[in-house]
């Protein structure tokens, strides 16, 4: 049985790694929210743009980037699930082969994403997200600059994701800290023009992000190719085309990718709802979602840790230990999240004040954060059981739950409560609570049934 020490050893580096990324996005959103009005007028003449517009724009940018990363999960989780099973069976050479094939397959999408980011952003902001003219102009500025770095960002995301999922959480943690350290230092000096650096505003934030991730990509591949990680690959694995291997990766990765795409599509629609509820609601939603992303990284760490350990125990035919491991993660995650929820509930206004001093935004955030605090417990437990299911080969079931949850709770119920019953953001987050509660109940039930079937030889 996996003890608490194993849970911490697997999860803590992932929390530091992924948490550093989201903390950086959070800090960046905060920084652009404090760009002076005179600077915004100079960067965007005639648009009456302010720091609140910059905050909303960068918050939307992060959502689109996360949406893009979701598509790439087909390579990350497709390879990770296969690799973990092979590692459990002590087939190291075969595991390395799948890493090389996943990376070579991700190369073409990395350039397509760069093109879409450069040319598709105006449509995404103005039409899909319903952003104002000022927010759209700022968002286009950010995306067109960072699109030049997109191939390196994508390749690093896929490589480090697979290595992290295979258990080398320390490499991913070191890379994450390096990337985000560079990103943070450059963002501060380039956004506001400190020392001898020019004042670039939101463009400075995009440039800082691009440079940081480029350095991270170089580090990741140099460590992997020198055989200093749990996985490595030969150039023959990268340059050769093995249709059977690529098909296995894509087939394994499709369910979780569709699941996450459904979730991210739902979140993008919900952000579009909040944009249409007015400037105050749009800014408040970005503040709240930025915190939710931060918390979700912690929950994802629990999920990936569960996937790694449960998947390897499943590969070794230790089904009872896999069940006990999932249970250990369940109780540990529940205790951690109860502490987080308490802080959110009682310090909601102070959390919002980090981003803005706009009184209307602060009042709305304070009210909605009370509901957000309640959402956290079913949300983290949903992560634990969804990833537990993937660890024992049940990829499709979490996908079906995501489809149902997004369509019926996040979109239909959220729209009804927010617009028909005029509950604004409160309605959107009540719908989110319904979605997460539904998913954790169904996933937990399915996981225990799957374990019972495996123990009975089915």
Protein backbone atom coordinates (compact mmCIF):
# COMPACT_ATOMS: atom_id res chain seq x y z
CA UNK A 1 0.00 0.00 0.00
CA UNK A 2 1.20 3.49 -0.81
CA UNK A 3 1.83 5.52 2.32
CA UNK A 4 1.68 9.25 2.91
CA UNK A 5 5.43 9.57 2.29
CA UNK A 6 5.03 8.16 -1.24
CA UNK A 7 2.08 10.48 -1.89
CA UNK A 8 4.14 13.50 -0.83
CA UNK A 9 7.25 12.35 -2.71
CA UNK A 10 5.25 12.09 -5.92
CA UNK A 11 2.92 15.06 -5.51
CA UNK A 12 5.01 17.82 -3.93
CA UNK A 13 7.42 18.29 -6.88
CA UNK A 14 4.42 18.35 -9.24
CA UNK A 15 2.74 20.98 -7.08
CA UNK A 16 5.91 23.10 -7.13
CA UNK A 17 6.36 22.58 -10.87
CA UNK A 18 2.81 23.23 -12.05
CA UNK A 19 2.14 25.69 -9.25
CA UNK A 20 5.07 27.84 -10.37
CA UNK A 21 3.50 28.14 -13.82
CA UNK A 22 0.10 29.19 -12.56
CA UNK A 23 1.58 31.49 -9.92
CA UNK A 24 3.52 33.14 -12.73
CA UNK A 25 0.40 33.60 -14.86
CA UNK A 26 -1.31 35.00 -11.76
CA UNK A 27 1.52 37.45 -11.08
CA UNK A 28 1.63 38.46 -14.73
CA UNK A 29 -2.12 39.16 -14.73
CA UNK A 30 -1.66 41.21 -11.58
CA UNK A 31 1.25 43.17 -13.06
CA UNK A 32 -0.57 44.17 -16.25
CA UNK A 33 -3.58 45.14 -14.14
CA UNK A 34 -1.38 47.84 -12.58
CA UNK A 35 -0.10 49.41 -15.83
CA UNK A 36 -0.61 53.16 -15.56
CA UNK A 37 -3.53 54.75 -17.44
CA UNK A 38 -1.15 57.11 -19.29
CA UNK A 39 0.89 54.15 -20.51
CA UNK A 40 -2.24 52.34 -21.70
CA UNK A 41 -3.34 55.46 -23.61
CA UNK A 42 0.07 55.60 -25.27
CA UNK A 43 0.07 51.90 -26.23
CA UNK A 44 -3.58 51.85 -27.36
CA UNK A 45 -4.56 55.38 -28.47
CA UNK A 46 -8.26 56.09 -28.94
CA UNK A 47 -9.45 52.93 -27.14
CA UNK A 48 -9.75 54.40 -23.62
CA UNK A 49 -7.95 51.28 -22.34
CA UNK A 50 -7.11 50.83 -18.63
CA UNK A 51 -5.34 48.37 -16.36
CA UNK A 52 -8.66 46.53 -15.84
CA UNK A 53 -8.82 45.96 -19.62
CA UNK A 54 -5.23 44.64 -19.59
CA UNK A 55 -6.11 42.33 -16.65
CA UNK A 56 -9.15 40.99 -18.51
CA UNK A 57 -7.21 40.59 -21.77
CA UNK A 58 -4.31 38.65 -20.25
CA UNK A 59 -6.76 36.53 -18.24
CA UNK A 60 -8.45 35.60 -21.53
CA UNK A 61 -5.04 34.97 -23.13
CA UNK A 62 -4.19 32.47 -20.39
CA UNK A 63 -7.51 30.71 -21.01
CA UNK A 64 -6.70 30.33 -24.74
CA UNK A 65 -3.18 29.05 -24.00
CA UNK A 66 -4.57 26.51 -21.54
CA UNK A 67 -7.13 25.51 -24.16
CA UNK A 68 -4.29 24.92 -26.63
CA UNK A 69 -2.36 22.85 -24.08
CA UNK A 70 -5.47 20.74 -23.59
CA UNK A 71 -5.33 19.64 -27.23
CA UNK A 72 -1.71 18.58 -26.72
CA UNK A 73 -2.73 16.27 -23.86
CA UNK A 74 -3.42 13.68 -26.53
CA UNK A 75 0.38 13.22 -26.74
CA UNK A 76 1.15 13.78 -23.06
CA UNK A 77 -1.40 11.45 -21.49
CA UNK A 78 -1.53 9.06 -24.44
CA UNK A 79 2.19 8.38 -24.01
CA UNK A 80 2.17 8.65 -20.21
CA UNK A 81 -0.44 5.95 -19.67
CA UNK A 82 1.39 3.56 -22.01
CA UNK A 83 4.83 4.42 -20.58
CA UNK A 84 3.71 3.85 -16.97
CA UNK A 85 2.30 0.44 -17.80
CA UNK A 86 5.56 -0.47 -19.58
CA UNK A 87 7.65 0.78 -16.65
CA UNK A 88 5.49 -1.34 -14.32
CA UNK A 89 6.35 -4.33 -16.55
CA UNK A 90 10.09 -3.35 -16.52
CA UNK A 91 10.11 -2.66 -20.30
CA UNK A 92 12.36 0.43 -20.27
CA UNK A 93 13.45 0.31 -23.93
CA UNK A 94 9.85 0.19 -25.15
CA UNK A 95 8.92 3.08 -22.82
CA UNK A 96 11.72 5.23 -24.29
CA UNK A 97 10.52 4.41 -27.80
CA UNK A 98 7.06 5.82 -27.02
CA UNK A 99 8.60 9.06 -25.70
CA UNK A 100 10.47 9.58 -29.01
CA UNK A 101 7.39 8.83 -31.10
CA UNK A 102 5.18 11.16 -29.07
CA UNK A 103 7.64 14.04 -29.46
CA UNK A 104 8.11 13.61 -33.20
CA UNK A 105 4.33 13.47 -33.69
CA UNK A 106 3.87 16.69 -31.70
CA UNK A 107 6.24 18.64 -33.96
CA UNK A 108 3.76 19.42 -36.76
CA UNK A 109 0.94 20.60 -34.44
CA UNK A 110 3.43 22.93 -32.74
CA UNK A 111 3.80 24.97 -35.96
CA UNK A 112 0.07 24.86 -36.72
CA UNK A 113 -0.62 26.30 -33.28
CA UNK A 114 1.79 29.18 -33.95
CA UNK A 115 -0.11 30.05 -37.14
CA UNK A 116 -3.51 29.86 -35.42
CA UNK A 117 -2.33 32.04 -32.53
CA UNK A 118 -1.03 34.69 -34.93
CA UNK A 119 -3.92 34.86 -37.39
CA UNK A 120 -6.92 33.55 -35.40
CA UNK A 121 -6.77 35.73 -32.29
CA UNK A 122 -8.95 38.62 -33.59
CA UNK A 123 -11.83 36.20 -34.28
CA UNK A 124 -11.38 34.42 -30.94
CA UNK A 125 -11.44 37.61 -28.87
CA UNK A 126 -14.10 39.62 -30.66
CA UNK A 127 -16.48 36.84 -31.73
CA UNK A 128 -15.95 33.77 -29.50
CA UNK A 129 -15.18 35.58 -26.24
CA UNK A 130 -17.28 38.69 -26.92
CA UNK A 131 -14.49 40.94 -25.60
CA UNK A 132 -14.59 44.74 -25.84
CA UNK A 133 -12.58 46.58 -28.50
CA UNK A 134 -9.86 47.53 -26.00
CA UNK A 135 -9.55 44.00 -24.56
CA UNK A 136 -9.42 42.54 -28.08
CA UNK A 137 -6.63 44.92 -29.16
CA UNK A 138 -4.55 44.07 -26.07
CA UNK A 139 -5.12 40.34 -26.50
CA UNK A 140 -4.04 40.43 -30.17
CA UNK A 141 -0.88 42.31 -29.18
CA UNK A 142 0.06 39.59 -26.68
CA UNK A 143 -0.70 36.63 -28.90
CA UNK A 144 1.03 37.86 -32.05
CA UNK A 145 4.28 38.25 -30.16
CA UNK A 146 4.20 34.97 -28.25
CA UNK A 147 3.20 33.00 -31.38
CA UNK A 148 6.84 33.25 -32.56
CA UNK A 149 7.85 31.11 -29.55
CA UNK A 150 4.93 28.66 -29.87
CA UNK A 151 6.84 25.63 -31.34
CA UNK A 152 9.36 25.67 -28.48
CA UNK A 153 6.63 26.16 -25.88
CA UNK A 154 4.64 23.25 -27.29
CA UNK A 155 7.58 20.82 -27.52
CA UNK A 156 8.65 21.59 -23.97
CA UNK A 157 5.08 21.13 -22.71
CA UNK A 158 4.82 17.67 -24.29
CA UNK A 159 8.31 16.46 -23.30
CA UNK A 160 8.17 17.60 -19.70
CA UNK A 161 4.59 16.35 -19.35
CA UNK A 162 5.53 12.78 -20.33
CA UNK A 163 8.66 12.74 -18.15
CA UNK A 164 6.66 14.12 -15.22
CA UNK A 165 3.95 11.50 -15.69
CA UNK A 166 6.60 8.76 -15.76
CA UNK A 167 7.72 9.75 -12.28
CA UNK A 168 10.66 12.13 -12.88
CA UNK A 169 8.93 14.93 -11.04
CA UNK A 170 12.20 16.53 -9.94
CA UNK A 171 13.32 17.37 -13.51
CA UNK A 172 9.93 18.90 -14.28
CA UNK A 173 10.09 20.86 -11.02
CA UNK A 174 13.56 22.28 -11.74
CA UNK A 175 12.56 23.18 -15.31
CA UNK A 176 9.36 24.80 -14.10
CA UNK A 177 11.17 26.91 -11.53
CA UNK A 178 13.77 28.02 -14.10
CA UNK A 179 11.18 28.91 -16.76
CA UNK A 180 8.99 30.86 -14.42
CA UNK A 181 11.89 32.54 -12.64
CA UNK A 182 13.10 33.97 -15.96
CA UNK A 183 9.52 34.80 -16.96
CA UNK A 184 8.92 36.70 -13.72
CA UNK A 185 12.19 38.67 -13.74
CA UNK A 186 11.79 39.74 -17.37
CA UNK A 187 8.08 40.52 -16.98
CA UNK A 188 8.74 43.02 -14.18
CA UNK A 189 11.41 44.94 -16.08
CA UNK A 190 9.82 44.73 -19.54
CA UNK A 191 6.23 45.61 -18.59
CA UNK A 192 7.19 48.74 -16.64
CA UNK A 193 10.58 49.58 -18.20
CA UNK A 194 12.85 49.26 -15.16
CA UNK A 195 16.64 49.77 -15.33
CA UNK A 196 17.82 50.00 -18.94
CA UNK A 197 14.91 47.97 -20.36
CA UNK A 198 12.21 49.70 -22.47
CA UNK A 199 8.63 50.00 -21.18
CA UNK A 200 6.66 47.54 -23.34
CA UNK A 201 3.46 47.04 -21.33
CA UNK A 202 1.54 43.86 -22.25
CA UNK A 203 4.01 43.18 -25.07
CA UNK A 204 6.75 42.94 -22.43
CA UNK A 205 4.74 40.26 -20.62
CA UNK A 206 4.46 38.20 -23.83
CA UNK A 207 8.17 38.57 -24.61
CA UNK A 208 9.12 37.49 -21.07
CA UNK A 209 6.95 34.39 -21.32
CA UNK A 210 8.43 33.44 -24.70
CA UNK A 211 12.05 33.77 -23.58
CA UNK A 212 11.46 31.86 -20.33
CA UNK A 213 9.84 28.89 -22.08
CA UNK A 214 12.55 28.82 -24.77
CA UNK A 215 15.23 28.40 -22.10
CA UNK A 216 13.10 25.71 -20.43
CA UNK A 217 12.80 23.76 -23.70
CA UNK A 218 16.57 23.77 -24.19
CA UNK A 219 17.14 22.48 -20.64
CA UNK A 220 14.49 19.74 -20.88
CA UNK A 221 15.77 18.25 -24.13
CA UNK A 222 19.43 18.46 -23.09
CA UNK A 223 18.69 16.48 -19.88
CA UNK A 224 16.55 13.86 -21.65
CA UNK A 225 18.99 13.35 -24.54
CA UNK A 226 21.94 12.94 -22.16
CA UNK A 227 20.08 10.12 -20.38
CA UNK A 228 19.82 12.00 -17.08
CA UNK A 229 16.07 11.49 -16.68
CA UNK A 230 13.90 8.43 -16.01
CA UNK A 231 13.26 8.35 -19.79
CA UNK A 232 15.42 9.09 -22.83
CA UNK A 233 15.13 8.32 -26.53
CA UNK A 234 17.27 7.56 -29.55
CA UNK A 235 17.14 9.74 -32.65
CA UNK A 236 15.84 6.69 -34.51
CA UNK A 237 12.78 6.76 -32.19
CA UNK A 238 12.28 10.44 -33.02
CA UNK A 239 12.91 10.41 -36.78
CA UNK A 240 11.29 7.06 -37.70
CA UNK A 241 7.56 6.73 -38.25
CA UNK A 242 6.01 3.78 -36.42
CA UNK A 243 2.34 3.88 -37.29
CA UNK A 244 1.42 1.25 -34.69
CA UNK A 245 3.09 3.19 -31.85
CA UNK A 246 1.65 6.57 -32.92
CA UNK A 247 -1.78 5.01 -33.31
CA UNK A 248 -1.54 3.56 -29.78
CA UNK A 249 -0.55 6.96 -28.35
CA UNK A 250 -3.38 8.79 -30.09
CA UNK A 251 -5.95 6.10 -29.32
CA UNK A 252 -4.99 6.13 -25.64
CA UNK A 253 -4.83 9.92 -25.46
CA UNK A 254 -8.05 10.75 -27.30
CA UNK A 255 -10.49 10.12 -24.41
CA UNK A 256 -8.65 12.33 -21.91
CA UNK A 257 -8.05 14.98 -24.57
CA UNK A 258 -11.72 15.06 -25.51
CA UNK A 259 -12.59 15.17 -21.83
CA UNK A 260 -10.27 18.10 -21.16
CA UNK A 261 -11.35 19.82 -24.40
CA UNK A 262 -14.96 19.54 -23.32
CA UNK A 263 -14.01 21.04 -19.97
CA UNK A 264 -11.94 23.87 -21.46
CA UNK A 265 -14.62 24.59 -24.08
CA UNK A 266 -17.14 24.85 -21.28
CA UNK A 267 -14.85 27.20 -19.35
CA UNK A 268 -14.31 29.36 -22.44
CA UNK A 269 -18.07 29.57 -22.96
CA UNK A 270 -18.51 30.50 -19.29
CA UNK A 271 -15.89 33.27 -19.66
CA UNK A 272 -17.85 34.45 -22.70
CA UNK A 273 -20.97 34.50 -20.46
CA UNK A 274 -19.15 36.63 -17.87
CA UNK A 275 -17.82 39.00 -20.57
CA UNK A 276 -21.42 39.57 -21.63
CA UNK A 277 -22.51 40.25 -18.02
CA UNK A 278 -20.57 43.53 -18.09
CA UNK A 279 -17.13 44.94 -17.35
CA UNK A 280 -17.32 44.38 -13.57
CA UNK A 281 -18.46 40.77 -13.87
CA UNK A 282 -15.85 40.07 -16.56
CA UNK A 283 -12.99 41.40 -14.42
CA UNK A 284 -14.29 39.63 -11.28
CA UNK A 285 -14.55 36.33 -13.14
CA UNK A 286 -10.96 36.65 -14.38
CA UNK A 287 -9.76 37.25 -10.80
CA UNK A 288 -11.70 34.22 -9.50
CA UNK A 289 -10.73 31.93 -12.37
CA UNK A 290 -7.09 32.90 -11.96
CA UNK A 291 -7.26 31.63 -8.37
CA UNK A 292 -9.19 28.56 -9.48
CA UNK A 293 -6.42 27.73 -11.97
CA UNK A 294 -3.90 28.03 -9.16
CA UNK A 295 -5.88 25.63 -6.96
CA UNK A 296 -6.52 23.30 -9.88
CA UNK A 297 -2.80 22.88 -10.40
CA UNK A 298 -2.58 21.47 -6.88
CA UNK A 299 -5.51 19.18 -7.65
CA UNK A 300 -3.86 18.13 -10.91
CA UNK A 301 -0.73 17.25 -8.96
CA UNK A 302 -2.81 14.91 -6.82
CA UNK A 303 -4.33 13.52 -10.00
CA UNK A 304 -1.02 12.93 -11.82
CA UNK A 305 0.48 11.43 -8.66
CA UNK A 306 -2.49 9.07 -8.46
CA UNK A 307 -2.17 8.20 -12.16
CA UNK A 308 1.55 7.44 -11.84
CA UNK A 309 1.32 5.19 -8.78
CA UNK A 310 -2.01 3.52 -9.58
CA UNK A 311 -0.92 2.98 -13.21
CA UNK A 312 2.34 1.29 -12.24
CA UNK A 313 0.58 -0.90 -9.63
CA UNK A 314 -2.00 -1.82 -12.25
CA UNK A 315 0.83 -2.78 -14.66
CA UNK A 316 2.29 -4.99 -11.89
CA UNK A 317 -1.16 -6.63 -11.26
CA UNK A 318 -1.32 -5.24 -7.69
CA UNK A 319 -4.98 -4.23 -7.84
CA UNK A 320 -5.68 -4.02 -4.10
CA UNK A 321 -2.65 -1.75 -3.64
CA UNK A 322 -3.94 0.43 -6.51
CA UNK A 323 -7.26 0.84 -4.71
CA UNK A 324 -5.57 1.64 -1.38
CA UNK A 325 -3.30 4.18 -3.10
CA UNK A 326 -6.29 5.99 -4.56
CA UNK A 327 -7.89 6.03 -1.10
CA UNK A 328 -4.74 7.54 0.46
CA UNK A 329 -4.75 10.33 -2.13
CA UNK A 330 -8.49 10.85 -1.45
CA UNK A 331 -8.06 11.58 2.26
CA UNK A 332 -4.87 13.59 1.88
CA UNK A 333 -6.37 15.79 -0.86
CA UNK A 334 -9.58 16.28 1.16
CA UNK A 335 -7.69 17.57 4.22
CA UNK A 336 -5.54 19.95 2.17
CA UNK A 337 -8.54 21.36 0.32
CA UNK A 338 -10.55 21.95 3.50
CA UNK A 339 -7.75 24.29 4.62
CA UNK A 340 -7.79 26.08 1.25
CA UNK A 341 -11.58 26.44 1.30
CA UNK A 342 -11.49 27.97 4.77
CA UNK A 343 -8.99 30.59 3.61
CA UNK A 344 -11.03 31.41 0.49
CA UNK A 345 -14.26 31.74 2.49
CA UNK A 346 -12.94 34.06 5.18
CA UNK A 347 -10.32 36.08 3.21
CA UNK A 348 -12.17 36.53 -0.09
CA UNK A 349 -11.90 40.32 -0.30
CA UNK A 350 -8.20 40.28 0.51
CA UNK A 351 -7.57 37.72 -2.22
CA UNK A 352 -9.27 39.97 -4.78
CA UNK A 353 -7.39 43.07 -3.62
CA UNK A 354 -4.14 41.55 -4.92
CA UNK A 355 -5.45 42.12 -8.45
CA UNK A 356 -7.42 45.35 -8.29
CA UNK A 357 -8.71 48.11 -6.00
CA UNK A 358 -11.88 48.67 -8.05
CA UNK A 359 -14.62 48.61 -5.35
CA UNK A 360 -17.33 47.14 -7.60
CA UNK A 361 -15.05 44.29 -8.66
CA UNK A 362 -14.00 43.67 -5.04
CA UNK A 363 -17.61 43.55 -3.79
CA UNK A 364 -18.62 41.03 -6.44
CA UNK A 365 -15.52 38.89 -5.86
CA UNK A 366 -16.19 38.81 -2.10
CA UNK A 367 -19.71 37.53 -2.70
CA UNK A 368 -18.84 34.90 -5.33
CA UNK A 369 -15.73 33.59 -3.54
CA UNK A 370 -17.99 32.18 -0.77
CA UNK A 371 -19.48 29.76 -3.30
CA UNK A 372 -16.12 29.08 -4.93
CA UNK A 373 -14.85 27.90 -1.52
CA UNK A 374 -17.57 25.24 -1.37
CA UNK A 375 -16.80 24.06 -4.92
CA UNK A 376 -13.21 23.09 -4.04
CA UNK A 377 -13.87 19.81 -2.17
CA UNK A 378 -15.84 17.99 -4.89
CA UNK A 379 -13.45 19.43 -7.46
CA UNK A 380 -10.27 17.93 -5.96
CA UNK A 381 -11.94 14.57 -5.29
CA UNK A 382 -13.13 14.54 -8.90
CA UNK A 383 -9.48 14.86 -9.99
CA UNK A 384 -8.36 11.99 -7.74
CA UNK A 385 -10.97 9.52 -8.96
CA UNK A 386 -10.84 10.52 -12.63
CA UNK A 387 -7.07 9.95 -12.71
CA UNK A 388 -7.47 6.73 -10.69
CA UNK A 389 -9.79 5.45 -13.40
CA UNK A 390 -7.22 6.29 -16.09
CA UNK A 391 -4.55 4.48 -14.11
CA UNK A 392 -6.52 1.23 -14.33
CA UNK A 393 -7.26 1.63 -18.03
CA UNK A 394 -10.69 3.32 -17.83
CA UNK A 395 -10.03 6.27 -20.15
CA UNK A 396 -13.45 6.82 -21.66
CA UNK A 397 -15.63 7.02 -18.56
CA UNK A 398 -14.15 10.35 -17.26
CA UNK A 399 -14.64 11.71 -20.79
CA UNK A 400 -18.35 10.88 -20.74
CA UNK A 401 -18.70 12.51 -17.31
CA UNK A 402 -16.98 15.65 -18.61
CA UNK A 403 -19.31 15.87 -21.62
CA UNK A 404 -22.41 15.56 -19.43
CA UNK A 405 -21.10 17.93 -16.76
CA UNK A 406 -20.07 20.69 -19.15
CA UNK A 407 -23.21 20.56 -21.29
CA UNK A 408 -25.92 20.18 -18.66
CA UNK A 409 -24.35 21.92 -15.65
CA UNK A 410 -21.73 24.48 -16.77
CA UNK A 411 -23.43 25.67 -19.98
CA UNK A 412 -27.19 25.06 -19.77
CA UNK A 413 -27.69 25.39 -15.99
CA UNK A 414 -25.04 28.14 -15.76
CA UNK A 415 -26.68 30.22 -18.52
CA UNK A 416 -30.15 29.71 -17.02
CA UNK A 417 -29.10 30.81 -13.52
CA UNK A 418 -26.89 33.69 -14.72
CA UNK A 419 -29.19 35.25 -17.33
CA UNK A 420 -32.74 33.89 -16.93
CA UNK A 421 -32.73 34.11 -13.10
CA UNK A 422 -30.35 37.14 -13.12
CA UNK A 423 -27.94 35.53 -10.65
CA UNK A 424 -24.87 36.69 -12.61
CA UNK A 425 -21.58 35.05 -11.49
CA UNK A 426 -23.28 33.45 -8.47
CA UNK A 427 -25.40 31.38 -10.85
CA UNK A 428 -22.35 30.29 -12.88
CA UNK A 429 -20.56 29.00 -9.77
CA UNK A 430 -23.63 27.22 -8.37
CA UNK A 431 -23.72 25.35 -11.68
CA UNK A 432 -20.01 24.53 -11.28
CA UNK A 433 -20.72 23.02 -7.83
CA UNK A 434 -23.40 20.79 -9.35
CA UNK A 435 -21.00 19.66 -12.08
CA UNK A 436 -18.14 18.70 -9.73
CA UNK A 437 -20.42 16.91 -7.23
CA UNK A 438 -21.96 14.86 -10.03
CA UNK A 439 -18.54 13.84 -11.42
CA UNK A 440 -16.93 12.81 -8.13
CA UNK A 441 -19.90 10.64 -7.17
CA UNK A 442 -19.97 8.83 -10.51
CA UNK A 443 -16.16 8.45 -10.86
CA UNK A 444 -15.74 7.04 -7.33
CA UNK A 445 -18.45 4.46 -7.92
CA UNK A 446 -16.94 3.39 -11.26
CA UNK A 447 -13.38 3.09 -9.91
CA UNK A 448 -14.35 0.72 -7.09
CA UNK A 449 -16.38 -1.40 -9.51
CA UNK A 450 -13.36 -1.59 -11.87
CA UNK A 451 -11.06 -2.72 -9.04
CA UNK A 452 -13.59 -5.37 -7.94
CA UNK A 453 -13.79 -6.68 -11.52
CA UNK A 454 -9.98 -6.86 -11.79
CA UNK A 455 -9.72 -8.76 -8.50
CA UNK A 456 -12.35 -11.20 -9.77
CA UNK A 457 -10.39 -11.73 -13.00
CA UNK A 458 -12.85 -9.92 -15.28
